[in-house]
């Protein structure tokens, strides 16, 4: 997995001390016929395997769903055609880095996400603790600020960002939290 919340913004390096097996991530593959298989994590750095996929020349969809991050999707053909027969293959690939800040999983980072961070400020609420350090704080809000307005480009028709909700803007939330 490649997750923005696992990268230290000060060094731009992955936080290798973080065990990504314990952050609530779920990785699945859905075949063209609707069969869903769950991944098993192979190490704390977010590597995973998915066993039991039937070889087919039709694409399957990989889904990486991590709390507080865009859910990432990628279509992949998971077989090779060998002498007219589909043969399964081992495939290593990387998805784009999932942006942190989508606390409500609506495929856009906007005022609703900032309000979620504010609501769970000082707690360890999964989905709002974007860097997985055990507390919702300024470090998490910084991801929302950085990615404000971003839409998930791995899904069709992601919504436009809301800049206010019931008259409250991002600047209002930041002021209320003493961050401005």
Protein backbone atom coordinates (compact mmCIF):
# COMPACT_ATOMS: atom_id res chain seq x y z
CA UNK A 1 0.00 0.00 0.00
CA UNK A 2 1.09 3.56 -0.62
CA UNK A 3 -0.56 5.94 1.83
CA UNK A 4 0.10 9.62 2.36
CA UNK A 5 -0.58 9.29 6.10
CA UNK A 6 2.34 6.87 6.50
CA UNK A 7 4.83 9.42 5.14
CA UNK A 8 6.51 11.83 7.55
CA UNK A 9 5.94 15.31 6.04
CA UNK A 10 9.15 16.62 7.64
CA UNK A 11 11.39 14.04 5.93
CA UNK A 12 9.14 12.83 3.09
CA UNK A 13 10.10 9.29 4.15
CA UNK A 14 7.84 6.39 5.06
CA UNK A 15 7.34 5.81 8.78
CA UNK A 16 8.72 2.26 8.86
CA UNK A 17 7.94 1.94 12.57
CA UNK A 18 4.21 1.99 11.80
CA UNK A 19 2.61 -1.45 11.47
CA UNK A 20 0.28 -1.05 8.51
CA UNK A 21 -1.35 -4.39 9.33
CA UNK A 22 -3.06 -2.66 12.28
CA UNK A 23 -4.48 0.51 10.70
CA UNK A 24 -7.82 -0.91 9.55
CA UNK A 25 -6.88 -1.29 5.89
CA UNK A 26 -8.77 -3.72 3.70
CA UNK A 27 -7.55 -4.88 0.30
CA UNK A 28 -9.74 -6.91 -2.03
CA UNK A 29 -9.82 -8.05 -5.63
CA UNK A 30 -13.11 -8.38 -7.49
CA UNK A 31 -13.10 -10.55 -10.61
CA UNK A 32 -15.17 -9.76 -13.69
CA UNK A 33 -17.82 -12.23 -12.46
CA UNK A 34 -18.20 -10.50 -9.08
CA UNK A 35 -16.13 -12.91 -6.99
CA UNK A 36 -14.44 -10.99 -4.15
CA UNK A 37 -11.23 -12.20 -2.52
CA UNK A 38 -9.57 -10.62 0.52
CA UNK A 39 -5.86 -9.93 0.71
CA UNK A 40 -3.59 -11.10 3.49
CA UNK A 41 -0.88 -8.72 4.63
CA UNK A 42 2.57 -10.23 4.42
CA UNK A 43 4.47 -7.68 6.49
CA UNK A 44 4.02 -4.51 8.55
CA UNK A 45 5.01 -2.30 5.60
CA UNK A 46 1.72 -2.81 3.75
CA UNK A 47 2.65 -5.57 1.32
CA UNK A 48 -0.12 -8.04 0.63
CA UNK A 49 -0.99 -11.16 -1.35
CA UNK A 50 -4.29 -12.31 -2.77
CA UNK A 51 -4.57 -16.06 -3.37
CA UNK A 52 -7.26 -17.98 -5.19
CA UNK A 53 -7.77 -15.76 -8.22
CA UNK A 54 -8.90 -17.74 -11.26
CA UNK A 55 -6.84 -16.95 -14.37
CA UNK A 56 -8.81 -14.95 -16.90
CA UNK A 57 -8.06 -12.43 -19.62
CA UNK A 58 -10.78 -10.11 -18.34
CA UNK A 59 -9.65 -7.45 -15.86
CA UNK A 60 -10.13 -7.73 -12.12
CA UNK A 61 -10.39 -4.69 -9.84
CA UNK A 62 -8.04 -4.19 -6.92
CA UNK A 63 -9.50 -2.07 -4.12
CA UNK A 64 -7.37 -0.61 -1.32
CA UNK A 65 -9.56 0.92 1.40
CA UNK A 66 -7.76 2.66 4.26
CA UNK A 67 -9.42 4.81 6.95
CA UNK A 68 -9.12 8.54 6.26
CA UNK A 69 -7.64 8.08 2.78
CA UNK A 70 -9.07 7.89 -0.70
CA UNK A 71 -10.16 4.36 -1.54
CA UNK A 72 -7.96 3.42 -4.48
CA UNK A 73 -9.10 1.24 -7.39
CA UNK A 74 -7.14 -0.26 -10.26
CA UNK A 75 -8.20 -2.64 -13.02
CA UNK A 76 -5.60 -5.29 -13.82
CA UNK A 77 -5.44 -8.34 -16.04
CA UNK A 78 -4.07 -10.98 -13.73
CA UNK A 79 -3.17 -13.63 -16.29
CA UNK A 80 -1.17 -14.19 -19.44
CA UNK A 81 -2.35 -15.93 -22.57
CA UNK A 82 -0.08 -18.91 -23.16
CA UNK A 83 -0.82 -20.96 -26.32
CA UNK A 84 -4.44 -19.82 -26.21
CA UNK A 85 -4.95 -20.60 -22.53
CA UNK A 86 -5.19 -18.10 -19.67
CA UNK A 87 -2.38 -18.76 -17.17
CA UNK A 88 -2.32 -17.02 -13.81
CA UNK A 89 0.72 -14.92 -13.01
CA UNK A 90 2.37 -13.38 -10.03
CA UNK A 91 2.03 -9.64 -10.28
CA UNK A 92 3.78 -6.92 -8.36
CA UNK A 93 2.50 -3.38 -8.84
CA UNK A 94 2.04 -0.11 -7.03
CA UNK A 95 -1.06 2.01 -6.98
CA UNK A 96 -0.70 5.77 -6.79
CA UNK A 97 -0.29 7.10 -3.27
CA UNK A 98 -3.70 7.39 -1.60
CA UNK A 99 -4.28 10.98 -0.46
CA UNK A 100 -5.03 11.49 3.23
CA UNK A 101 -8.00 13.56 4.36
CA UNK A 102 -11.10 11.76 3.09
CA UNK A 103 -12.48 11.12 6.57
CA UNK A 104 -16.05 10.48 5.40
CA UNK A 105 -15.06 8.35 2.37
CA UNK A 106 -17.00 10.42 -0.18
CA UNK A 107 -14.07 10.63 -2.66
CA UNK A 108 -13.39 14.34 -2.13
CA UNK A 109 -11.51 16.25 0.56
CA UNK A 110 -13.55 19.24 1.67
CA UNK A 111 -15.18 21.08 4.56
CA UNK A 112 -16.99 17.93 5.70
CA UNK A 113 -13.63 16.27 6.32
CA UNK A 114 -12.35 19.30 8.24
CA UNK A 115 -15.48 19.19 10.40
CA UNK A 116 -14.85 15.49 11.12
CA UNK A 117 -11.31 16.29 12.25
CA UNK A 118 -12.70 19.04 14.49
CA UNK A 119 -15.38 16.71 15.91
CA UNK A 120 -12.85 14.02 16.85
CA UNK A 121 -10.05 16.42 17.91
CA UNK A 122 -7.99 14.93 20.73
CA UNK A 123 -9.41 11.41 20.32
CA UNK A 124 -7.97 8.38 18.54
CA UNK A 125 -10.93 8.05 16.15
CA UNK A 126 -10.07 5.80 13.22
CA UNK A 127 -10.65 7.58 9.96
CA UNK A 128 -9.78 10.97 11.43
CA UNK A 129 -6.33 10.01 12.73
CA UNK A 130 -4.80 10.32 9.29
CA UNK A 131 -1.19 9.59 10.26
CA UNK A 132 -2.10 6.71 12.58
CA UNK A 133 -0.24 8.15 15.59
CA UNK A 134 -3.12 7.58 18.02
CA UNK A 135 -4.45 11.14 18.30
CA UNK A 136 -6.47 13.44 16.04
CA UNK A 137 -4.60 16.75 16.02
CA UNK A 138 -2.97 19.46 13.90
CA UNK A 139 -0.89 16.89 12.00
CA UNK A 140 -4.12 15.33 10.73
CA UNK A 141 -5.72 18.68 9.90
CA UNK A 142 -2.58 19.56 7.92
CA UNK A 143 -3.45 16.76 5.46
CA UNK A 144 -6.96 18.16 5.00
CA UNK A 145 -5.53 21.66 4.44
CA UNK A 146 -2.93 20.36 1.97
CA UNK A 147 -5.43 18.26 0.00
CA UNK A 148 -8.49 20.52 0.33
CA UNK A 149 -10.54 20.31 -2.88
CA UNK A 150 -8.84 17.14 -4.14
CA UNK A 151 -11.06 14.55 -5.84
CA UNK A 152 -10.34 10.82 -6.03
CA UNK A 153 -9.25 10.21 -9.62
CA UNK A 154 -9.59 6.42 -9.35
CA UNK A 155 -13.39 6.61 -9.30
CA UNK A 156 -15.73 8.04 -11.94
CA UNK A 157 -17.77 11.11 -11.05
CA UNK A 158 -16.23 11.99 -7.70
CA UNK A 159 -18.15 14.93 -6.22
CA UNK A 160 -17.00 18.54 -6.21
CA UNK A 161 -15.56 19.82 -2.95
CA UNK A 162 -17.88 21.69 -0.62
CA UNK A 163 -16.17 24.85 0.62
CA UNK A 164 -18.72 25.50 3.37
CA UNK A 165 -21.31 23.63 5.40
CA UNK A 166 -24.11 25.50 7.18
CA UNK A 167 -22.07 28.66 6.71
CA UNK A 168 -18.89 27.19 8.26
CA UNK A 169 -15.70 27.34 6.18
CA UNK A 170 -12.28 25.76 6.56
CA UNK A 171 -10.96 29.05 7.93
CA UNK A 172 -13.73 29.05 10.57
CA UNK A 173 -12.78 25.51 11.66
CA UNK A 174 -9.09 26.44 11.85
CA UNK A 175 -9.91 29.54 13.91
CA UNK A 176 -12.11 27.52 16.29
CA UNK A 177 -9.26 25.07 16.83
CA UNK A 178 -6.76 27.89 17.39
CA UNK A 179 -4.77 26.97 14.29
CA UNK A 180 -5.04 30.40 12.62
